[in-house]
């Protein structure tokens, strides 16, 4: 079993300068963007650059996974994006602006055909939909639990496109916190992901200069149940990785919890606090993640 991806870093698909730095990135995964980061005129060139970049990567080195954000379904670029990049064997596809699981199933079906055509292992390309960018999408989040999408890696959410779709003038309050609508879709995305038994990926943190704010926000996200986060600047990657990695103190405490429950009691006292089965399960998750990350 592989560890969850802690950090996804967006990189414009048409920037040779930024693509050249990918191999040295500490991000667990890179999202080579063919959508918002690329102008309309450069989209054909970008998809070709991304395909060649993925095909030429050093598959023996410890480098980030290479994902691709395609253009939205229904537009003129979506199928061309998939037809061009799948042959190179990306680790996954990020699908923007979906309306629900049916859109993800469409991409799944396209990938099945393309994987077969290019001799790739069936299901080898994973999917990460941005599941809240249209007004109807949040109402369908619960449907992912029964959708049986085998290549679904996880769900993430987005606020900016949803704001535009709703005609909102903003999505945060005076203190920078998400307003009610965006708190709601964030929570629903987390619950939908866990109901579908896939990963929940926190959305980006806009202020690239606020490292302390990013760290605190990411720690809270992990405490709530998110397993990773999207980064929009290389400087955010180390902060995100640290926040989604169990600390030495967490690992040590988790070992103590497991040890005390090994005595067979259903509820135990540790450090002056009563613990029961949910605490044991959380401790086991921490130790499992630490093992996958080889801490």
Protein backbone atom coordinates (compact mmCIF):
# COMPACT_ATOMS: atom_id res chain seq x y z
CA UNK A 1 0.00 0.00 0.00
CA UNK A 2 1.34 3.42 -0.98
CA UNK A 3 1.31 6.46 1.25
CA UNK A 4 -1.23 9.17 0.36
CA UNK A 5 0.07 12.04 -1.72
CA UNK A 6 0.79 14.85 0.71
CA UNK A 7 1.48 17.62 -1.81
CA UNK A 8 0.29 18.27 -5.36
CA UNK A 9 2.13 21.20 -6.98
CA UNK A 10 0.62 22.97 -9.98
CA UNK A 11 3.04 23.69 -12.85
CA UNK A 12 1.95 25.41 -16.10
CA UNK A 13 2.11 22.91 -18.91
CA UNK A 14 3.57 25.38 -21.38
CA UNK A 15 6.44 26.73 -19.26
CA UNK A 16 9.76 25.16 -20.23
CA UNK A 17 11.47 27.00 -17.39
CA UNK A 18 9.16 25.61 -14.73
CA UNK A 19 9.03 22.13 -16.25
CA UNK A 20 12.81 22.01 -16.03
CA UNK A 21 12.60 22.34 -12.23
CA UNK A 22 10.11 19.51 -11.71
CA UNK A 23 12.68 16.76 -11.11
CA UNK A 24 14.13 18.65 -8.14
CA UNK A 25 10.78 19.36 -6.51
CA UNK A 26 10.02 17.94 -3.07
CA UNK A 27 6.35 17.62 -4.00
CA UNK A 28 4.92 14.12 -3.94
CA UNK A 29 3.09 14.89 -7.19
CA UNK A 30 3.18 17.54 -9.89
CA UNK A 31 0.01 18.62 -11.69
CA UNK A 32 1.00 19.66 -15.20
CA UNK A 33 -1.74 22.15 -15.96
CA UNK A 34 -3.41 22.36 -19.35
CA UNK A 35 -6.39 24.37 -18.13
CA UNK A 36 -6.31 27.71 -16.31
CA UNK A 37 -2.55 28.25 -16.45
CA UNK A 38 -2.45 28.01 -20.26
CA UNK A 39 -3.88 30.57 -22.65
CA UNK A 40 -6.36 29.44 -25.29
CA UNK A 41 -3.87 29.95 -28.10
CA UNK A 42 -1.18 27.83 -26.42
CA UNK A 43 -3.28 24.86 -25.38
CA UNK A 44 -2.33 22.63 -28.37
CA UNK A 45 1.36 23.34 -27.84
CA UNK A 46 1.04 22.81 -24.09
CA UNK A 47 -0.53 19.37 -24.38
CA UNK A 48 2.26 18.29 -26.71
CA UNK A 49 4.91 19.66 -24.35
CA UNK A 50 3.34 17.88 -21.41
CA UNK A 51 3.11 14.57 -23.25
CA UNK A 52 6.76 14.74 -24.29
CA UNK A 53 7.83 15.79 -20.79
CA UNK A 54 6.08 12.81 -19.20
CA UNK A 55 7.39 10.38 -21.81
CA UNK A 56 10.98 11.60 -21.32
CA UNK A 57 11.01 11.41 -17.52
CA UNK A 58 13.53 9.26 -15.69
CA UNK A 59 11.42 6.35 -14.46
CA UNK A 60 14.21 5.01 -12.23
CA UNK A 61 14.73 8.18 -10.18
CA UNK A 62 12.81 9.22 -7.10
CA UNK A 63 10.90 12.04 -8.76
CA UNK A 64 7.38 13.34 -8.16
CA UNK A 65 4.43 11.59 -9.71
CA UNK A 66 3.33 13.40 -12.87
CA UNK A 67 -0.38 14.20 -13.10
CA UNK A 68 -2.16 16.29 -15.73
CA UNK A 69 -5.05 18.70 -15.28
CA UNK A 70 -7.10 18.38 -18.44
CA UNK A 71 -9.53 20.96 -19.77
CA UNK A 72 -13.21 20.63 -18.82
CA UNK A 73 -15.44 18.04 -20.42
CA UNK A 74 -17.72 19.50 -23.06
CA UNK A 75 -15.09 21.92 -24.33
CA UNK A 76 -13.05 21.57 -27.46
CA UNK A 77 -9.82 20.60 -25.70
CA UNK A 78 -10.78 17.78 -23.31
CA UNK A 79 -10.60 14.80 -25.66
CA UNK A 80 -7.51 16.15 -27.39
CA UNK A 81 -5.81 16.50 -24.00
CA UNK A 82 -6.50 12.86 -23.14
CA UNK A 83 -5.64 11.54 -26.58
CA UNK A 84 -2.29 13.33 -26.46
CA UNK A 85 -1.08 12.74 -22.90
CA UNK A 86 -2.30 9.22 -22.12
CA UNK A 87 0.24 7.60 -24.43
CA UNK A 88 3.01 8.99 -22.20
CA UNK A 89 1.59 7.23 -19.13
CA UNK A 90 0.85 9.96 -16.57
CA UNK A 91 0.21 8.87 -13.00
CA UNK A 92 -3.18 10.53 -13.00
CA UNK A 93 -5.62 13.03 -14.45
CA UNK A 94 -7.18 15.94 -12.57
CA UNK A 95 -10.67 16.65 -13.91
CA UNK A 96 -11.94 20.22 -13.43
CA UNK A 97 -15.50 21.53 -13.31
CA UNK A 98 -17.33 18.23 -13.09
CA UNK A 99 -21.06 18.07 -12.35
CA UNK A 100 -20.86 14.70 -10.60
CA UNK A 101 -19.70 11.07 -10.80
CA UNK A 102 -21.14 10.64 -14.30
CA UNK A 103 -18.50 13.01 -15.65
CA UNK A 104 -15.76 11.07 -13.89
CA UNK A 105 -17.15 7.84 -15.36
CA UNK A 106 -16.89 9.39 -18.85
CA UNK A 107 -13.21 10.10 -18.34
CA UNK A 108 -12.74 6.62 -16.87
CA UNK A 109 -14.25 5.11 -20.02
CA UNK A 110 -12.05 7.23 -22.28
CA UNK A 111 -8.99 6.12 -20.33
CA UNK A 112 -9.90 2.46 -20.61
CA UNK A 113 -9.91 2.73 -24.39
CA UNK A 114 -6.73 4.81 -24.52
CA UNK A 115 -4.82 2.61 -22.06
CA UNK A 116 -5.63 -0.43 -24.19
CA UNK A 117 -4.65 1.37 -27.38
CA UNK A 118 -1.26 2.35 -25.96
CA UNK A 119 -0.47 -0.90 -24.18
CA UNK A 120 -0.77 0.52 -20.67
CA UNK A 121 -1.98 -1.48 -17.69
CA UNK A 122 -5.73 -1.13 -17.26
CA UNK A 123 -6.56 1.32 -14.48
CA UNK A 124 -2.97 2.52 -14.14
CA UNK A 125 -3.97 6.18 -14.58
CA UNK A 126 -5.77 7.48 -11.51
CA UNK A 127 -8.38 10.24 -11.31
CA UNK A 128 -8.74 13.26 -9.02
CA UNK A 129 -11.86 15.30 -9.78
CA UNK A 130 -12.30 18.84 -8.51
CA UNK A 131 -15.75 18.05 -7.21
CA UNK A 132 -17.31 21.40 -6.27
CA UNK A 133 -16.70 23.88 -9.08
CA UNK A 134 -20.24 24.00 -10.52
CA UNK A 135 -23.46 24.85 -8.68
CA UNK A 136 -24.91 21.35 -9.14
CA UNK A 137 -21.76 19.44 -8.17
CA UNK A 138 -22.05 19.72 -4.35
CA UNK A 139 -25.50 18.12 -4.46
CA UNK A 140 -23.98 14.99 -6.07
CA UNK A 141 -21.00 14.48 -3.80
CA UNK A 142 -22.72 11.70 -1.87
CA UNK A 143 -23.14 9.71 -5.06
CA UNK A 144 -19.42 8.94 -5.20
CA UNK A 145 -19.84 6.35 -2.42
CA UNK A 146 -21.87 4.10 -4.73
CA UNK A 147 -20.25 5.04 -8.04
CA UNK A 148 -17.66 2.23 -7.98
CA UNK A 149 -14.99 4.22 -9.78
CA UNK A 150 -12.02 1.92 -9.36
CA UNK A 151 -9.41 4.38 -10.58
CA UNK A 152 -10.64 7.21 -8.33
CA UNK A 153 -7.69 8.38 -6.21
CA UNK A 154 -9.61 10.96 -4.23
CA UNK A 155 -11.71 14.10 -4.29
CA UNK A 156 -10.64 17.70 -3.99
CA UNK A 157 -12.61 20.90 -3.97
CA UNK A 158 -12.25 24.42 -5.32
CA UNK A 159 -13.66 27.78 -4.35
CA UNK A 160 -12.66 30.17 -7.13
CA UNK A 161 -14.62 28.66 -10.02
CA UNK A 162 -17.59 28.02 -7.76
CA UNK A 163 -17.53 31.68 -6.71
CA UNK A 164 -17.64 32.73 -10.34
CA UNK A 165 -20.45 30.30 -11.11
CA UNK A 166 -22.49 31.63 -8.19
CA UNK A 167 -21.91 35.27 -9.07
CA UNK A 168 -20.19 35.82 -5.72
CA UNK A 169 -17.94 38.80 -5.13
CA UNK A 170 -15.80 36.86 -2.64
CA UNK A 171 -15.50 33.59 -0.76
CA UNK A 172 -13.72 34.56 2.46
CA UNK A 173 -14.64 36.65 5.46
CA UNK A 174 -12.75 39.59 7.03
CA UNK A 175 -10.35 37.24 8.83
CA UNK A 176 -9.61 35.18 5.75
CA UNK A 177 -11.84 32.28 6.78
CA UNK A 178 -14.09 30.58 4.23
CA UNK A 179 -17.63 31.92 4.25
CA UNK A 180 -20.52 29.58 4.94
CA UNK A 181 -21.08 28.29 1.40
CA UNK A 182 -17.43 27.26 0.98
CA UNK A 183 -17.18 25.76 4.46
CA UNK A 184 -20.17 23.63 3.49
CA UNK A 185 -18.75 22.32 0.22
CA UNK A 186 -15.37 21.69 1.85
CA UNK A 187 -16.96 19.55 4.57
CA UNK A 188 -19.12 17.70 2.08
CA UNK A 189 -16.07 16.92 -0.06
CA UNK A 190 -14.25 15.48 2.95
CA UNK A 191 -17.21 13.32 3.91
CA UNK A 192 -17.86 12.23 0.32
CA UNK A 193 -14.25 11.15 -0.12
CA UNK A 194 -14.21 9.10 3.04
CA UNK A 195 -17.61 7.60 2.25
CA UNK A 196 -16.18 6.49 -1.10
CA UNK A 197 -13.05 5.21 0.72
CA UNK A 198 -10.70 7.46 -1.25
CA UNK A 199 -8.40 10.33 -0.27
CA UNK A 200 -9.59 13.83 0.59
CA UNK A 201 -7.31 16.52 -0.82
CA UNK A 202 -7.48 20.04 0.61
CA UNK A 203 -7.68 22.95 -1.81
CA UNK A 204 -4.97 25.53 -2.39
CA UNK A 205 -3.93 28.31 -0.02
CA UNK A 206 -3.95 31.54 -2.01
CA UNK A 207 -1.50 33.71 -0.04
CA UNK A 208 1.88 32.35 -1.10
CA UNK A 209 3.70 34.71 1.29
CA UNK A 210 1.90 33.48 4.41
CA UNK A 211 3.84 30.37 5.34
CA UNK A 212 2.62 30.39 8.95
CA UNK A 213 -0.99 30.61 7.84
CA UNK A 214 -0.50 27.78 5.36
CA UNK A 215 1.11 25.59 8.02
CA UNK A 216 -1.71 26.16 10.52
CA UNK A 217 -4.40 25.69 7.89
CA UNK A 218 -2.77 22.47 6.69
CA UNK A 219 -2.39 21.08 10.21
CA UNK A 220 -6.07 21.71 10.82
CA UNK A 221 -6.97 20.06 7.52
CA UNK A 222 -5.01 16.93 8.43
CA UNK A 223 -6.62 16.86 11.87
CA UNK A 224 -10.04 16.95 10.21
CA UNK A 225 -9.23 14.05 7.89
CA UNK A 226 -7.65 15.46 4.73
CA UNK A 227 -4.59 13.50 3.60
CA UNK A 228 -2.88 16.08 1.38
CA UNK A 229 -3.10 19.50 -0.20
CA UNK A 230 -2.65 21.34 -3.48
CA UNK A 231 0.22 23.86 -3.72
CA UNK A 232 0.39 26.74 -6.17
CA UNK A 233 3.99 27.79 -5.46
CA UNK A 234 7.15 25.72 -4.83
CA UNK A 235 7.69 27.52 -1.51
CA UNK A 236 4.51 25.92 -0.19
CA UNK A 237 5.57 22.32 -0.75
CA UNK A 238 7.83 21.72 2.27
CA UNK A 239 5.28 23.35 4.57
CA UNK A 240 2.50 21.12 3.26
CA UNK A 241 4.62 17.97 3.42
CA UNK A 242 5.51 18.68 7.04
CA UNK A 243 1.91 19.35 8.01
CA UNK A 244 0.69 16.06 6.50
CA UNK A 245 3.49 13.98 8.00
CA UNK A 246 3.08 12.59 11.55
CA UNK A 247 5.53 14.19 13.95
CA UNK A 248 7.85 12.12 16.13
CA UNK A 249 5.69 12.98 19.15
CA UNK A 250 2.54 11.82 17.35
CA UNK A 251 4.15 8.53 16.40
CA UNK A 252 5.43 7.95 19.92
CA UNK A 253 2.03 8.69 21.45
CA UNK A 254 0.29 6.43 18.91
CA UNK A 255 2.62 3.57 19.89
CA UNK A 256 1.75 4.10 23.54
CA UNK A 257 -1.97 4.04 22.72
CA UNK A 258 -1.67 0.79 20.79
CA UNK A 259 0.43 -0.76 23.55
CA UNK A 260 -2.03 0.12 26.30
CA UNK A 261 -4.96 -1.27 24.31
CA UNK A 262 -2.99 -4.47 23.73
CA UNK A 263 -3.81 -5.39 27.32
CA UNK A 264 -7.35 -6.15 26.13
CA UNK A 265 -9.40 -3.39 27.76
CA UNK A 266 -12.19 -1.65 25.83
CA UNK A 267 -11.45 1.71 27.45
CA UNK A 268 -8.21 2.82 29.05
CA UNK A 269 -6.68 5.77 30.84
CA UNK A 270 -3.53 7.36 29.44
CA UNK A 271 -1.94 10.61 30.57
CA UNK A 272 -5.05 11.45 32.56
CA UNK A 273 -7.46 10.98 29.62
CA UNK A 274 -9.95 8.21 28.92
CA UNK A 275 -9.48 6.54 25.55
CA UNK A 276 -11.72 4.10 23.71
CA UNK A 277 -11.92 2.37 20.33
CA UNK A 278 -11.94 5.51 18.10
CA UNK A 279 -8.68 6.63 19.74
CA UNK A 280 -7.15 3.23 19.01
CA UNK A 281 -8.20 3.42 15.37
CA UNK A 282 -6.69 6.89 15.05
CA UNK A 283 -3.43 5.69 16.61
CA UNK A 284 -3.32 2.78 14.19
CA UNK A 285 -3.83 5.17 11.26
CA UNK A 286 -0.93 7.33 12.45
CA UNK A 287 1.36 4.31 12.71
CA UNK A 288 0.26 2.99 9.33
CA UNK A 289 0.99 6.36 7.69
CA UNK A 290 4.34 6.59 9.46
CA UNK A 291 5.21 3.14 8.16
CA UNK A 292 4.26 4.03 4.58
CA UNK A 293 6.36 7.20 4.81
CA UNK A 294 9.19 5.16 6.39
CA UNK A 295 9.47 7.46 9.39
